[in-house]
Amino acid sequence: FYYKKRPAGFDKLISCGRVVLEDHVELGALCT
């Protein structure tokens, strides 16, 4: 969620990274 305010609206910074989960992680339902 990364935007730059422009006169015509918001310009999005494109994401090209990753998510890394290490061993024995648990994520519940509906996490983001």
Full PDB file with SEQRES, HELIX, SHEET, SSBOND, CRYST1, ORIGX, SCALE, CONECT and MASTER records, all heavy atoms in Angstrom:
SEQRES   1 A   32  PHE TYR TYR LYS LYS ARG PRO ALA GLY PHE ASP LYS LEU          
SEQRES   2 A   32  ILE SER CYS GLY ARG VAL VAL LEU GLU ASP HIS VAL GLU          
SEQRES   3 A   32  LEU GLY ALA LEU CYS THR                                      
SHEET    1 AA1 2 TYR A   3  ARG A   6  0                                        
SHEET    2 AA1 2 GLY A   9  LYS A  12 -1                                        
CRYST1    1.000    1.000    1.000  90.00  90.00  90.00 P 1           1          
ORIGX1      1.000000  0.000000  0.000000        0.00000                         
ORIGX2      0.000000  1.000000  0.000000        0.00000                         
ORIGX3      0.000000  0.000000  1.000000        0.00000                         
SCALE1      1.000000  0.000000  0.000000        0.00000                         
SCALE2      0.000000  1.000000  0.000000        0.00000                         
SCALE3      0.000000  0.000000  1.000000        0.00000                         
ATOM      1  N   PHE A   1       0.869  -1.178   0.000  1.00  0.00           N  
ATOM      2  CA  PHE A   1       0.000   0.000   0.000  1.00  0.00           C  
ATOM      3  C   PHE A   1       0.906   1.227   0.000  1.00  0.00           C  
ATOM      4  O   PHE A   1       1.273   1.768   1.046  1.00  0.00           O  
ATOM      5  CB  PHE A   1      -0.906  -0.023   1.232  1.00  0.00           C  
ATOM      6  CG  PHE A   1      -1.977   1.022   1.233  1.00  0.00           C  
ATOM      7  CD1 PHE A   1      -3.064   0.934   0.382  1.00  0.00           C  
ATOM      8  CD2 PHE A   1      -1.901   2.111   2.092  1.00  0.00           C  
ATOM      9  CE1 PHE A   1      -4.059   1.903   0.391  1.00  0.00           C  
ATOM     10  CE2 PHE A   1      -2.884   3.075   2.109  1.00  0.00           C  
ATOM     11  CZ  PHE A   1      -3.966   2.971   1.254  1.00  0.00           C  
ATOM     12  N   TYR A   2       1.316   1.650  -1.197  1.00  0.00           N  
ATOM     13  CA  TYR A   2       2.366   2.662  -1.350  1.00  0.00           C  
ATOM     14  C   TYR A   2       2.021   3.507  -2.568  1.00  0.00           C  
ATOM     15  O   TYR A   2       2.101   3.037  -3.693  1.00  0.00           O  
ATOM     16  CB  TYR A   2       3.708   1.957  -1.540  1.00  0.00           C  
ATOM     17  CG  TYR A   2       4.946   2.817  -1.364  1.00  0.00           C  
ATOM     18  CD1 TYR A   2       6.047   2.332  -0.676  1.00  0.00           C  
ATOM     19  CD2 TYR A   2       5.043   4.094  -1.906  1.00  0.00           C  
ATOM     20  CE1 TYR A   2       7.209   3.083  -0.524  1.00  0.00           C  
ATOM     21  CE2 TYR A   2       6.184   4.856  -1.763  1.00  0.00           C  
ATOM     22  CZ  TYR A   2       7.266   4.339  -1.060  1.00  0.00           C  
ATOM     23  OH  TYR A   2       8.402   5.092  -0.924  1.00  0.00           O  
ATOM     24  N   TYR A   3       1.633   4.764  -2.353  1.00  0.00           N  
ATOM     25  CA  TYR A   3       1.162   5.640  -3.423  1.00  0.00           C  
ATOM     26  C   TYR A   3       1.801   7.021  -3.319  1.00  0.00           C  
ATOM     27  O   TYR A   3       2.101   7.506  -2.224  1.00  0.00           O  
ATOM     28  CB  TYR A   3      -0.358   5.796  -3.363  1.00  0.00           C  
ATOM     29  CG  TYR A   3      -1.116   4.529  -3.655  1.00  0.00           C  
ATOM     30  CD1 TYR A   3      -1.395   3.612  -2.643  1.00  0.00           C  
ATOM     31  CD2 TYR A   3      -1.544   4.237  -4.947  1.00  0.00           C  
ATOM     32  CE1 TYR A   3      -2.077   2.442  -2.907  1.00  0.00           C  
ATOM     33  CE2 TYR A   3      -2.236   3.068  -5.220  1.00  0.00           C  
ATOM     34  CZ  TYR A   3      -2.495   2.180  -4.200  1.00  0.00           C  
ATOM     35  OH  TYR A   3      -3.169   1.019  -4.475  1.00  0.00           O  
ATOM     36  N   LYS A   4       1.975   7.642  -4.458  1.00  0.00           N  
ATOM     37  CA  LYS A   4       2.437   9.034  -4.530  1.00  0.00           C  
ATOM     38  C   LYS A   4       1.285   9.893  -5.023  1.00  0.00           C  
ATOM     39  O   LYS A   4       0.643   9.554  -6.023  1.00  0.00           O  
ATOM     40  CB  LYS A   4       3.626   9.151  -5.487  1.00  0.00           C  
ATOM     41  CG  LYS A   4       4.211  10.565  -5.593  1.00  0.00           C  
ATOM     42  CD  LYS A   4       5.374  10.583  -6.563  1.00  0.00           C  
ATOM     43  CE  LYS A   4       5.993  11.972  -6.678  1.00  0.00           C  
ATOM     44  NZ  LYS A   4       6.627  12.399  -5.418  1.00  0.00           N  
ATOM     45  N   LYS A   5       1.018  10.993  -4.326  1.00  0.00           N  
ATOM     46  CA  LYS A   5      -0.081  11.890  -4.726  1.00  0.00           C  
ATOM     47  C   LYS A   5       0.355  12.713  -5.942  1.00  0.00           C  
ATOM     48  O   LYS A   5       1.381  13.393  -5.909  1.00  0.00           O  
ATOM     49  CB  LYS A   5      -0.465  12.806  -3.571  1.00  0.00           C  
ATOM     50  CG  LYS A   5      -1.674  13.683  -3.859  1.00  0.00           C  
ATOM     51  CD  LYS A   5      -2.923  12.847  -3.923  1.00  0.00           C  
ATOM     52  CE  LYS A   5      -4.213  13.561  -4.155  1.00  0.00           C  
ATOM     53  NZ  LYS A   5      -4.384  14.937  -4.035  1.00  0.00           N  
ATOM     54  N   ARG A   6      -0.432  12.613  -7.000  1.00  0.00           N  
ATOM     55  CA  ARG A   6      -0.211  13.393  -8.215  1.00  0.00           C  
ATOM     56  C   ARG A   6      -1.404  14.325  -8.425  1.00  0.00           C  
ATOM     57  O   ARG A   6      -2.482  14.094  -7.864  1.00  0.00           O  
ATOM     58  CB  ARG A   6      -0.095  12.458  -9.423  1.00  0.00           C  
ATOM     59  CG  ARG A   6       0.959  11.375  -9.306  1.00  0.00           C  
ATOM     60  CD  ARG A   6       2.325  11.886  -9.640  1.00  0.00           C  
ATOM     61  NE  ARG A   6       3.239  10.787  -9.943  1.00  0.00           N  
ATOM     62  CZ  ARG A   6       4.514  10.945 -10.202  1.00  0.00           C  
ATOM     63  NH1 ARG A   6       5.042  12.163 -10.215  1.00  0.00           N  
ATOM     64  NH2 ARG A   6       5.294   9.902 -10.470  1.00  0.00           N  
ATOM     65  N   PRO A   7      -1.253  15.361  -9.253  1.00  0.00           N  
ATOM     66  CA  PRO A   7      -2.399  16.226  -9.535  1.00  0.00           C  
ATOM     67  C   PRO A   7      -3.602  15.461 -10.093  1.00  0.00           C  
ATOM     68  O   PRO A   7      -4.750  15.828  -9.823  1.00  0.00           O  
ATOM     69  CB  PRO A   7      -1.844  17.214 -10.575  1.00  0.00           C  
ATOM     70  CG  PRO A   7      -0.387  17.272 -10.274  1.00  0.00           C  
ATOM     71  CD  PRO A   7      -0.006  15.889  -9.846  1.00  0.00           C  
ATOM     72  N   ALA A   8      -3.335  14.403 -10.840  1.00  0.00           N  
ATOM     73  CA  ALA A   8      -4.434  13.636 -11.442  1.00  0.00           C  
ATOM     74  C   ALA A   8      -4.926  12.497 -10.547  1.00  0.00           C  
ATOM     75  O   ALA A   8      -5.876  11.802 -10.904  1.00  0.00           O  
ATOM     76  CB  ALA A   8      -3.990  13.060 -12.789  1.00  0.00           C  
ATOM     77  N   GLY A   9      -4.290  12.292  -9.394  1.00  0.00           N  
ATOM     78  CA  GLY A   9      -4.694  11.199  -8.518  1.00  0.00           C  
ATOM     79  C   GLY A   9      -3.481  10.518  -7.910  1.00  0.00           C  
ATOM     80  O   GLY A   9      -2.388  11.082  -7.854  1.00  0.00           O  
ATOM     81  N   PHE A  10      -3.671   9.294  -7.450  1.00  0.00           N  
ATOM     82  CA  PHE A  10      -2.608   8.559  -6.784  1.00  0.00           C  
ATOM     83  C   PHE A  10      -1.869   7.667  -7.770  1.00  0.00           C  
ATOM     84  O   PHE A  10      -2.483   6.942  -8.558  1.00  0.00           O  
ATOM     85  CB  PHE A  10      -3.182   7.705  -5.652  1.00  0.00           C  
ATOM     86  CG  PHE A  10      -3.718   8.504  -4.502  1.00  0.00           C  
ATOM     87  CD1 PHE A  10      -5.081   8.662  -4.333  1.00  0.00           C  
ATOM     88  CD2 PHE A  10      -2.855   9.107  -3.595  1.00  0.00           C  
ATOM     89  CE1 PHE A  10      -5.588   9.409  -3.285  1.00  0.00           C  
ATOM     90  CE2 PHE A  10      -3.342   9.849  -2.540  1.00  0.00           C  
ATOM     91  CZ  PHE A  10      -4.713  10.003  -2.379  1.00  0.00           C  
ATOM     92  N   ASP A  11      -0.542   7.713  -7.703  1.00  0.00           N  
ATOM     93  CA  ASP A  11       0.320   6.906  -8.559  1.00  0.00           C  
ATOM     94  C   ASP A  11       0.922   5.805  -7.703  1.00  0.00           C  
ATOM     95  O   ASP A  11       1.562   6.067  -6.683  1.00  0.00           O  
ATOM     96  CB  ASP A  11       1.415   7.788  -9.153  1.00  0.00           C  
ATOM     97  CG  ASP A  11       2.143   7.124 -10.300  1.00  0.00           C  
ATOM     98  OD1 ASP A  11       1.776   5.991 -10.660  1.00  0.00           O  
ATOM     99  OD2 ASP A  11       3.086   7.734 -10.836  1.00  0.00           O  
ATOM    100  N   LYS A  12       0.752   4.565  -8.117  1.00  0.00           N  
ATOM    101  CA  LYS A  12       1.158   3.416  -7.315  1.00  0.00           C  
ATOM    102  C   LYS A  12       2.622   3.055  -7.535  1.00  0.00           C  
ATOM    103  O   LYS A  12       3.088   3.016  -8.672  1.00  0.00           O  
ATOM    104  CB  LYS A  12       0.270   2.223  -7.684  1.00  0.00           C  
ATOM    105  CG  LYS A  12       0.533   0.952  -6.896  1.00  0.00           C  
ATOM    106  CD  LYS A  12      -0.483  -0.101  -7.305  1.00  0.00           C  
ATOM    107  CE  LYS A  12      -0.299  -1.379  -6.520  1.00  0.00           C  
ATOM    108  NZ  LYS A  12      -1.341  -2.378  -6.847  1.00  0.00           N  
ATOM    109  N   LEU A  13       3.333   2.794  -6.428  1.00  0.00           N  
ATOM    110  CA  LEU A  13       4.676   2.244  -6.544  1.00  0.00           C  
ATOM    111  C   LEU A  13       4.552   0.733  -6.743  1.00  0.00           C  
ATOM    112  O   LEU A  13       3.957   0.035  -5.914  1.00  0.00           O  
ATOM    113  CB  LEU A  13       5.502   2.545  -5.299  1.00  0.00           C  
ATOM    114  CG  LEU A  13       6.976   2.147  -5.379  1.00  0.00           C  
ATOM    115  CD1 LEU A  13       7.702   2.946  -6.463  1.00  0.00           C  
ATOM    116  CD2 LEU A  13       7.678   2.348  -4.039  1.00  0.00           C  
ATOM    117  N   ILE A  14       5.084   0.241  -7.838  1.00  0.00           N  
ATOM    118  CA  ILE A  14       4.939  -1.167  -8.191  1.00  0.00           C  
ATOM    119  C   ILE A  14       5.741  -2.027  -7.218  1.00  0.00           C  
ATOM    120  O   ILE A  14       6.900  -1.735  -6.909  1.00  0.00           O  
ATOM    121  CB  ILE A  14       5.397  -1.402  -9.640  1.00  0.00           C  
ATOM    122  CG1 ILE A  14       4.436  -0.692 -10.598  1.00  0.00           C  
ATOM    123  CG2 ILE A  14       5.473  -2.890  -9.963  1.00  0.00           C  
ATOM    124  CD1 ILE A  14       4.905  -0.651 -12.021  1.00  0.00           C  
ATOM    125  N   SER A  15       5.125  -3.086  -6.742  1.00  0.00           N  
ATOM    126  CA  SER A  15       5.774  -4.008  -5.805  1.00  0.00           C  
ATOM    127  C   SER A  15       6.382  -5.173  -6.576  1.00  0.00           C  
ATOM    128  O   SER A  15       5.707  -5.819  -7.375  1.00  0.00           O  
ATOM    129  CB  SER A  15       4.751  -4.550  -4.802  1.00  0.00           C  
ATOM    130  OG  SER A  15       4.156  -3.507  -4.075  1.00  0.00           O  
ATOM    131  N   CYS A  16       7.651  -5.449  -6.297  1.00  0.00           N  
ATOM    132  CA  CYS A  16       8.279  -6.610  -6.933  1.00  0.00           C  
ATOM    133  C   CYS A  16       9.068  -7.433  -5.926  1.00  0.00           C  
ATOM    134  O   CYS A  16       9.967  -8.193  -6.291  1.00  0.00           O  
ATOM    135  CB  CYS A  16       9.162  -6.158  -8.091  1.00  0.00           C  
ATOM    136  SG  CYS A  16      10.416  -4.944  -7.655  1.00  0.00           S  
ATOM    137  N   GLY A  17       8.740  -7.293  -4.646  1.00  0.00           N  
ATOM    138  CA  GLY A  17       9.394  -8.070  -3.605  1.00  0.00           C  
ATOM    139  C   GLY A  17       8.713  -9.406  -3.360  1.00  0.00           C  
ATOM    140  O   GLY A  17       7.988  -9.922  -4.216  1.00  0.00           O  
ATOM    141  N   ARG A  18       8.925  -9.954  -2.170  1.00  0.00           N  
ATOM    142  CA  ARG A  18       8.406 -11.287  -1.842  1.00  0.00           C  
ATOM    143  C   ARG A  18       7.834 -11.295  -0.423  1.00  0.00           C  
ATOM    144  O   ARG A  18       8.051 -10.385   0.364  1.00  0.00           O  
ATOM    145  CB  ARG A  18       9.518 -12.334  -1.899  1.00  0.00           C  
ATOM    146  CG  ARG A  18      10.357 -12.356  -3.157  1.00  0.00           C  
ATOM    147  CD  ARG A  18      11.377 -13.493  -3.109  1.00  0.00           C  
ATOM    148  NE  ARG A  18      12.269 -13.380  -1.962  1.00  0.00           N  
ATOM    149  CZ  ARG A  18      13.196 -14.295  -1.638  1.00  0.00           C  
ATOM    150  NH1 ARG A  18      13.333 -15.386  -2.367  1.00  0.00           N  
ATOM    151  NH2 ARG A  18      13.984 -14.123  -0.580  1.00  0.00           N  
ATOM    152  N   VAL A  19       7.139 -12.399  -0.107  1.00  0.00           N  
ATOM    153  CA  VAL A  19       6.833 -12.772   1.271  1.00  0.00           C  
ATOM    154  C   VAL A  19       7.635 -14.027   1.581  1.00  0.00           C  
ATOM    155  O   VAL A  19       7.662 -14.966   0.771  1.00  0.00           O  
ATOM    156  CB  VAL A  19       5.335 -13.034   1.484  1.00  0.00           C  
ATOM    157  CG1 VAL A  19       5.074 -13.666   2.849  1.00  0.00           C  
ATOM    158  CG2 VAL A  19       4.542 -11.744   1.343  1.00  0.00           C  
ATOM    159  N   VAL A  20       8.291 -14.056   2.735  1.00  0.00           N  
ATOM    160  CA  VAL A  20       9.063 -15.219   3.161  1.00  0.00           C  
ATOM    161  C   VAL A  20       8.548 -15.671   4.525  1.00  0.00           C  
ATOM    162  O   VAL A  20       8.574 -14.898   5.496  1.00  0.00           O  
ATOM    163  CB  VAL A  20      10.567 -14.899   3.245  1.00  0.00           C  
ATOM    164  CG1 VAL A  20      11.341 -16.101   3.790  1.00  0.00           C  
ATOM    165  CG2 VAL A  20      11.106 -14.491   1.877  1.00  0.00           C  
ATOM    166  N   LEU A  21       8.068 -16.921   4.601  1.00  0.00           N  
ATOM    167  CA  LEU A  21       7.674 -17.533   5.864  1.00  0.00           C  
ATOM    168  C   LEU A  21       8.705 -18.596   6.222  1.00  0.00           C  
ATOM    169  O   LEU A  21       8.985 -19.491   5.415  1.00  0.00           O  
ATOM    170  CB  LEU A  21       6.298 -18.201   5.758  1.00  0.00           C  
ATOM    171  CG  LEU A  21       5.114 -17.381   5.249  1.00  0.00           C  
ATOM    172  CD1 LEU A  21       3.839 -18.224   5.295  1.00  0.00           C  
ATOM    173  CD2 LEU A  21       4.937 -16.104   6.048  1.00  0.00           C  
ATOM    174  N   GLU A  22       9.260 -18.500   7.412  1.00  0.00           N  
ATOM    175  CA  GLU A  22      10.222 -19.506   7.839  1.00  0.00           C  
ATOM    176  C   GLU A  22       9.507 -20.727   8.426  1.00  0.00           C  
ATOM    177  O   GLU A  22       8.275 -20.804   8.440  1.00  0.00           O  
ATOM    178  CB  GLU A  22      11.202 -18.886   8.831  1.00  0.00           C  
ATOM    179  CG  GLU A  22      12.079 -17.806   8.192  1.00  0.00           C  
ATOM    180  CD  GLU A  22      13.162 -17.285   9.116  1.00  0.00           C  
ATOM    181  OE1 GLU A  22      13.198 -17.687  10.304  1.00  0.00           O  
ATOM    182  OE2 GLU A  22      13.997 -16.479   8.653  1.00  0.00           O  
ATOM    183  N   ASP A  23      10.261 -21.697   8.897  1.00  0.00           N  
ATOM    184  CA  ASP A  23       9.710 -22.972   9.363  1.00  0.00           C  
ATOM    185  C   ASP A  23       8.778 -22.787  10.565  1.00  0.00           C  
ATOM    186  O   ASP A  23       8.970 -21.900  11.399  1.00  0.00           O  
ATOM    187  CB  ASP A  23      10.837 -23.922   9.777  1.00  0.00           C  
ATOM    188  CG  ASP A  23      11.753 -24.299   8.631  1.00  0.00           C  
ATOM    189  OD1 ASP A  23      11.406 -24.002   7.468  1.00  0.00           O  
ATOM    190  OD2 ASP A  23      12.817 -24.890   8.902  1.00  0.00           O  
ATOM    191  N   HIS A  24       7.762 -23.662  10.625  1.00  0.00           N  
ATOM    192  CA  HIS A  24       6.853 -23.761  11.772  1.00  0.00           C  
ATOM    193  C   HIS A  24       6.036 -22.488  12.011  1.00  0.00           C  
ATOM    194  O   HIS A  24       5.570 -22.235  13.124  1.00  0.00           O  
ATOM    195  CB  HIS A  24       7.619 -24.137  13.046  1.00  0.00           C  
ATOM    196  CG  HIS A  24       8.307 -25.463  12.967  1.00  0.00           C  
ATOM    197  ND1 HIS A  24       7.626 -26.661  13.040  1.00  0.00           N  
ATOM    198  CD2 HIS A  24       9.619 -25.772  12.772  1.00  0.00           C  
ATOM    199  CE1 HIS A  24       8.496 -27.665  12.924  1.00  0.00           C  
ATOM    200  NE2 HIS A  24       9.709 -27.157  12.750  1.00  0.00           N  
ATOM    201  N   VAL A  25       5.828 -21.704  10.981  1.00  0.00           N  
ATOM    202  CA  VAL A  25       4.906 -20.560  11.072  1.00  0.00           C  
ATOM    203  C   VAL A  25       3.486 -21.059  10.852  1.00  0.00           C  
ATOM    204  O   VAL A  25       3.253 -21.971  10.060  1.00  0.00           O  
ATOM    205  CB  VAL A  25       5.275 -19.492  10.014  1.00  0.00           C  
ATOM    206  CG1 VAL A  25       4.162 -18.464   9.832  1.00  0.00           C  
ATOM    207  CG2 VAL A  25       6.581 -18.802  10.399  1.00  0.00           C  
ATOM    208  N   GLU A  26       2.524 -20.464  11.562  1.00  0.00           N  
ATOM    209  CA  GLU A  26       1.107 -20.749  11.311  1.00  0.00           C  
ATOM    210  C   GLU A  26       0.360 -19.435  11.144  1.00  0.00           C  
ATOM    211  O   GLU A  26       0.491 -18.524  11.967  1.00  0.00           O  
ATOM    212  CB  GLU A  26       0.485 -21.570  12.437  1.00  0.00           C  
ATOM    213  CG  GLU A  26      -0.983 -21.886  12.173  1.00  0.00           C  
ATOM    214  CD  GLU A  26      -1.511 -23.079  12.962  1.00  0.00           C  
ATOM    215  OE1 GLU A  26      -0.720 -23.732  13.659  1.00  0.00           O  
ATOM    216  OE2 GLU A  26      -2.726 -23.345  12.881  1.00  0.00           O  
ATOM    217  N   LEU A  27      -0.419 -19.347  10.067  1.00  0.00           N  
ATOM    218  CA  LEU A  27      -1.237 -18.181   9.778  1.00  0.00           C  
ATOM    219  C   LEU A  27      -2.698 -18.566   9.865  1.00  0.00           C  
ATOM    220  O   LEU A  27      -3.127 -19.541   9.241  1.00  0.00           O  
ATOM    221  CB  LEU A  27      -0.927 -17.633   8.379  1.00  0.00           C  
ATOM    222  CG  LEU A  27       0.537 -17.304   8.064  1.00  0.00           C  
ATOM    223  CD1 LEU A  27       0.654 -16.749   6.643  1.00  0.00           C  
ATOM    224  CD2 LEU A  27       1.117 -16.322   9.067  1.00  0.00           C  
ATOM    225  N   GLY A  28      -3.495 -17.786  10.600  1.00  0.00           N  
ATOM    226  CA  GLY A  28      -4.923 -18.059  10.718  1.00  0.00           C  
ATOM    227  C   GLY A  28      -5.671 -17.734   9.442  1.00  0.00           C  
ATOM    228  O   GLY A  28      -5.088 -17.356   8.415  1.00  0.00           O  
ATOM    229  N   ALA A  29      -6.988 -17.840   9.515  1.00  0.00           N  
ATOM    230  CA  ALA A  29      -7.832 -17.564   8.353  1.00  0.00           C  
ATOM    231  C   ALA A  29      -7.889 -16.065   8.070  1.00  0.00           C  
ATOM    232  O   ALA A  29      -7.854 -15.236   8.982  1.00  0.00           O  
ATOM    233  CB  ALA A  29      -9.242 -18.100   8.598  1.00  0.00           C  
ATOM    234  N   LEU A  30      -7.949 -15.736   6.785  1.00  0.00           N  
ATOM    235  CA  LEU A  30      -8.175 -14.363   6.319  1.00  0.00           C  
ATOM    236  C   LEU A  30      -7.079 -13.393   6.746  1.00  0.00           C  
ATOM    237  O   LEU A  30      -7.332 -12.210   6.971  1.00  0.00           O  
ATOM    238  CB  LEU A  30      -9.545 -13.856   6.794  1.00  0.00           C  
ATOM    239  CG  LEU A  30     -10.753 -14.657   6.302  1.00  0.00           C  
ATOM    240  CD1 LEU A  30     -12.023 -14.178   6.979  1.00  0.00           C  
ATOM    241  CD2 LEU A  30     -10.891 -14.586   4.794  1.00  0.00           C  
ATOM    242  N   CYS A  31      -5.858 -13.864   6.830  1.00  0.00           N  
ATOM    243  CA  CYS A  31      -4.723 -12.972   7.039  1.00  0.00           C  
ATOM    244  C   CYS A  31      -4.255 -12.424   5.691  1.00  0.00           C  
ATOM    245  O   CYS A  31      -4.431 -13.070   4.654  1.00  0.00           O  
ATOM    246  CB  CYS A  31      -3.566 -13.695   7.719  1.00  0.00           C  
ATOM    247  SG  CYS A  31      -3.907 -14.186   9.417  1.00  0.00           S  
ATOM    248  N   THR A  32      -3.649 -11.242   5.710  1.00  0.00           N  
ATOM    249  CA  THR A  32      -3.103 -10.654   4.487  1.00  0.00           C  
ATOM    250  C   THR A  32      -1.675 -10.213   4.772  1.00  0.00           C  
ATOM    251  O   THR A  32      -1.445  -9.350   5.629  1.00  0.00           O  
ATOM    252  CB  THR A  32      -3.946  -9.456   4.005  1.00  0.00           C  
ATOM    253  OG1 THR A  32      -4.143  -8.534   5.092  1.00  0.00           O  
ATOM    254  CG2 THR A  32      -5.307  -9.929   3.521  1.00  0.00           C  
TER     255      THR A  32                                                      
MASTER        0    0    0    0    2    0    0    6  254    1    0    3          
END                                                                             
